[in-house]
């Protein structure tokens, strides 16, 4: 638990420094704008087992300096690995972040211990979602019989993820408020 707290602290510190500030002092951030971004996602998940995650994400949304005026939707493709239980997985995740606080999403994929494969679906809820996220997820396995299920898997898990933007495009928000 101390390791998870330490890693969460590191991710929070990194996300606080992730805002890009222009060197020009005349640079003004618009009140409302839309954006599209893609980049890398890195994370750690903890349940009864620890998993490390690395992948690619694509995000689109609108930002506002008004309280609770921002939102984003994203999709990621990533791999997870449990080095202690020698279990690897791949999955696709879709999530939406509303008001820069609440994040809802779902993940589907499969885990393998290189002998057996186990498919799953994971609904998620959490906070964050643009630079970093802290979420809770419950894996629903396609084989629910515990005797036939592969070992080294989590049922309940807490995940911390950090989104590293490789390319970001900002634009004016249309009058309708829709994403560009």
Protein backbone atom coordinates (compact mmCIF):
# COMPACT_ATOMS: atom_id res chain seq x y z
CA UNK A 1 0.00 0.00 0.00
CA UNK A 2 2.91 2.35 0.73
CA UNK A 3 4.31 1.68 -2.74
CA UNK A 4 0.98 2.59 -4.34
CA UNK A 5 0.77 5.80 -2.28
CA UNK A 6 4.34 6.71 -3.29
CA UNK A 7 3.64 6.08 -6.97
CA UNK A 8 0.40 8.07 -6.81
CA UNK A 9 2.32 10.97 -5.23
CA UNK A 10 4.89 10.88 -8.03
CA UNK A 11 2.16 10.91 -10.70
CA UNK A 12 0.38 13.85 -9.02
CA UNK A 13 3.64 15.82 -8.86
CA UNK A 14 4.37 15.07 -12.51
CA UNK A 15 0.89 16.13 -13.59
CA UNK A 16 1.20 19.42 -11.69
CA UNK A 17 4.27 20.22 -13.81
CA UNK A 18 2.77 19.00 -17.08
CA UNK A 19 1.19 22.32 -18.09
CA UNK A 20 3.14 23.85 -20.96
CA UNK A 21 3.88 27.55 -20.46
CA UNK A 22 4.93 29.68 -23.42
CA UNK A 23 8.15 31.65 -23.09
CA UNK A 24 6.43 34.75 -24.50
CA UNK A 25 4.94 36.78 -21.65
CA UNK A 26 2.26 38.15 -24.05
CA UNK A 27 0.81 34.66 -24.55
CA UNK A 28 -2.82 34.61 -23.42
CA UNK A 29 -4.73 31.38 -22.90
CA UNK A 30 -8.21 31.76 -24.44
CA UNK A 31 -11.19 31.42 -22.13
CA UNK A 32 -12.65 28.53 -24.14
CA UNK A 33 -10.91 26.32 -26.68
CA UNK A 34 -11.07 22.86 -28.19
CA UNK A 35 -8.16 20.47 -28.42
CA UNK A 36 -7.07 17.18 -29.88
CA UNK A 37 -4.10 15.27 -28.57
CA UNK A 38 -2.34 11.95 -28.86
CA UNK A 39 0.50 10.49 -26.89
CA UNK A 40 1.64 7.82 -24.48
CA UNK A 41 -0.12 6.49 -21.40
CA UNK A 42 1.86 5.02 -18.50
CA UNK A 43 0.29 3.59 -15.39
CA UNK A 44 0.20 1.15 -12.53
CA UNK A 45 -2.75 -0.89 -11.29
CA UNK A 46 -3.00 -2.48 -7.87
CA UNK A 47 -5.38 -5.10 -6.60
CA UNK A 48 -4.27 -8.45 -5.27
CA UNK A 49 -1.59 -8.23 -8.01
CA UNK A 50 0.45 -5.32 -9.42
CA UNK A 51 0.32 -4.49 -13.13
CA UNK A 52 2.37 -1.94 -15.07
CA UNK A 53 0.82 -0.39 -18.18
CA UNK A 54 2.21 1.30 -21.27
CA UNK A 55 0.27 2.33 -24.34
CA UNK A 56 -0.94 4.94 -26.82
CA UNK A 57 -3.94 7.29 -26.46
CA UNK A 58 -5.93 9.70 -28.61
CA UNK A 59 -8.08 12.39 -26.98
CA UNK A 60 -10.44 15.20 -28.07
CA UNK A 61 -12.25 17.70 -25.90
CA UNK A 62 -13.02 21.25 -24.92
CA UNK A 63 -11.43 23.28 -22.16
CA UNK A 64 -12.76 26.27 -20.29
CA UNK A 65 -11.29 28.35 -17.50
CA UNK A 66 -14.82 28.47 -16.09
CA UNK A 67 -15.37 26.06 -13.21
CA UNK A 68 -16.58 22.65 -14.41
CA UNK A 69 -16.70 23.74 -18.05
CA UNK A 70 -14.30 21.21 -19.53
CA UNK A 71 -14.74 17.76 -20.97
CA UNK A 72 -12.83 15.16 -22.94
CA UNK A 73 -13.27 11.81 -24.59
CA UNK A 74 -10.42 9.41 -25.32
CA UNK A 75 -9.46 5.95 -26.50
CA UNK A 76 -6.26 4.09 -25.61
CA UNK A 77 -4.61 0.86 -26.67
CA UNK A 78 -2.17 -0.52 -24.13
CA UNK A 79 -0.36 -3.54 -22.75
CA UNK A 80 -0.20 -4.53 -19.09
CA UNK A 81 2.35 -6.73 -17.40
CA UNK A 82 2.56 -8.34 -13.96
CA UNK A 83 6.28 -9.18 -13.55
CA UNK A 84 5.65 -11.00 -10.26
CA UNK A 85 2.98 -13.38 -11.59
CA UNK A 86 4.33 -13.48 -15.17
CA UNK A 87 0.97 -12.43 -16.63
CA UNK A 88 0.66 -10.08 -19.62
CA UNK A 89 -2.40 -8.45 -21.12
CA UNK A 90 -3.56 -6.19 -23.92
CA UNK A 91 -6.66 -4.06 -23.96
CA UNK A 92 -8.53 -1.14 -25.42
CA UNK A 93 -9.99 1.53 -23.14
CA UNK A 94 -12.54 4.25 -23.84
CA UNK A 95 -13.27 6.96 -21.30
CA UNK A 96 -14.91 10.32 -20.92
CA UNK A 97 -13.94 13.04 -18.49
CA UNK A 98 -16.58 15.56 -17.46
CA UNK A 99 -15.96 18.83 -15.65
CA UNK A 100 -12.24 17.92 -15.43
CA UNK A 101 -13.09 15.85 -12.36
CA UNK A 102 -15.29 12.81 -13.04
CA UNK A 103 -14.03 10.06 -15.34
CA UNK A 104 -16.19 7.18 -16.60
CA UNK A 105 -14.97 4.47 -18.90
CA UNK A 106 -14.69 0.84 -19.88
CA UNK A 107 -11.85 -1.49 -20.82
CA UNK A 108 -11.93 -4.76 -22.76
CA UNK A 109 -9.06 -7.11 -23.35
CA UNK A 110 -7.35 -10.35 -22.47
CA UNK A 111 -4.70 -11.57 -20.05
CA UNK A 112 -2.35 -14.47 -20.72
CA UNK A 113 0.17 -16.37 -18.64
CA UNK A 114 1.57 -17.74 -21.93
CA UNK A 115 -0.22 -21.02 -21.21
CA UNK A 116 -3.86 -19.88 -20.94
CA UNK A 117 -5.75 -16.76 -21.99
CA UNK A 118 -8.55 -15.04 -20.07
CA UNK A 119 -10.82 -12.35 -21.58
CA UNK A 120 -12.39 -9.57 -19.52
CA UNK A 121 -14.48 -6.38 -19.51
CA UNK A 122 -13.77 -3.67 -16.92
CA UNK A 123 -16.13 -0.76 -16.13
CA UNK A 124 -14.21 2.15 -14.52
CA UNK A 125 -14.98 5.27 -12.51
CA UNK A 126 -12.51 7.81 -11.21
CA UNK A 127 -11.15 11.32 -11.20
CA UNK A 128 -8.96 13.12 -13.73
CA UNK A 129 -8.60 11.93 -17.28
CA UNK A 130 -6.79 14.71 -19.17
CA UNK A 131 -3.25 14.68 -17.70
CA UNK A 132 -3.57 11.96 -15.08
CA UNK A 133 -6.30 9.73 -13.70
CA UNK A 134 -7.02 7.78 -10.55
CA UNK A 135 -9.72 5.17 -11.13
CA UNK A 136 -11.38 2.10 -9.68
CA UNK A 137 -12.29 -0.81 -11.93
CA UNK A 138 -13.87 -4.22 -11.50
CA UNK A 139 -12.86 -6.94 -13.94
CA UNK A 140 -15.69 -9.12 -15.21
CA UNK A 141 -14.10 -12.26 -16.62
CA UNK A 142 -15.62 -14.33 -19.42
CA UNK A 143 -14.93 -17.47 -17.35
CA UNK A 144 -16.45 -16.81 -13.91
CA UNK A 145 -15.73 -20.24 -12.45
CA UNK A 146 -12.84 -19.61 -9.99
CA UNK A 147 -11.54 -23.17 -10.47
CA UNK A 148 -11.10 -22.66 -14.23
CA UNK A 149 -9.88 -19.05 -14.03
CA UNK A 150 -6.23 -18.28 -14.62
CA UNK A 151 -4.20 -17.27 -11.54
CA UNK A 152 -2.51 -13.88 -10.99
CA UNK A 153 -5.53 -11.76 -11.98
CA UNK A 154 -7.26 -8.90 -10.15
CA UNK A 155 -10.99 -8.66 -9.62
CA UNK A 156 -10.99 -5.18 -8.07
CA UNK A 157 -8.23 -2.73 -8.91
CA UNK A 158 -7.16 0.87 -8.39
CA UNK A 159 -5.25 2.41 -11.29
CA UNK A 160 -3.10 5.52 -11.58
CA UNK A 161 -2.31 6.63 -15.13
CA UNK A 162 -0.31 9.52 -16.54
CA UNK A 163 -0.97 10.81 -20.08
CA UNK A 164 2.13 12.16 -21.84
CA UNK A 165 1.06 14.37 -24.74
CA UNK A 166 3.25 13.95 -27.82
CA UNK A 167 1.18 16.17 -30.07
CA UNK A 168 -1.57 18.61 -29.16
CA UNK A 169 -3.67 20.83 -31.39
CA UNK A 170 -5.78 23.67 -30.00
CA UNK A 171 -8.48 25.57 -31.81
CA UNK A 172 -11.35 27.96 -31.25
CA UNK A 173 -14.48 26.45 -29.82
CA UNK A 174 -17.41 26.76 -32.26
CA UNK A 175 -20.53 28.63 -31.21
CA UNK A 176 -22.43 25.36 -30.85
CA UNK A 177 -19.97 24.18 -28.18
CA UNK A 178 -19.27 20.98 -30.11
CA UNK A 179 -15.79 19.53 -30.45
CA UNK A 180 -13.79 20.46 -33.58
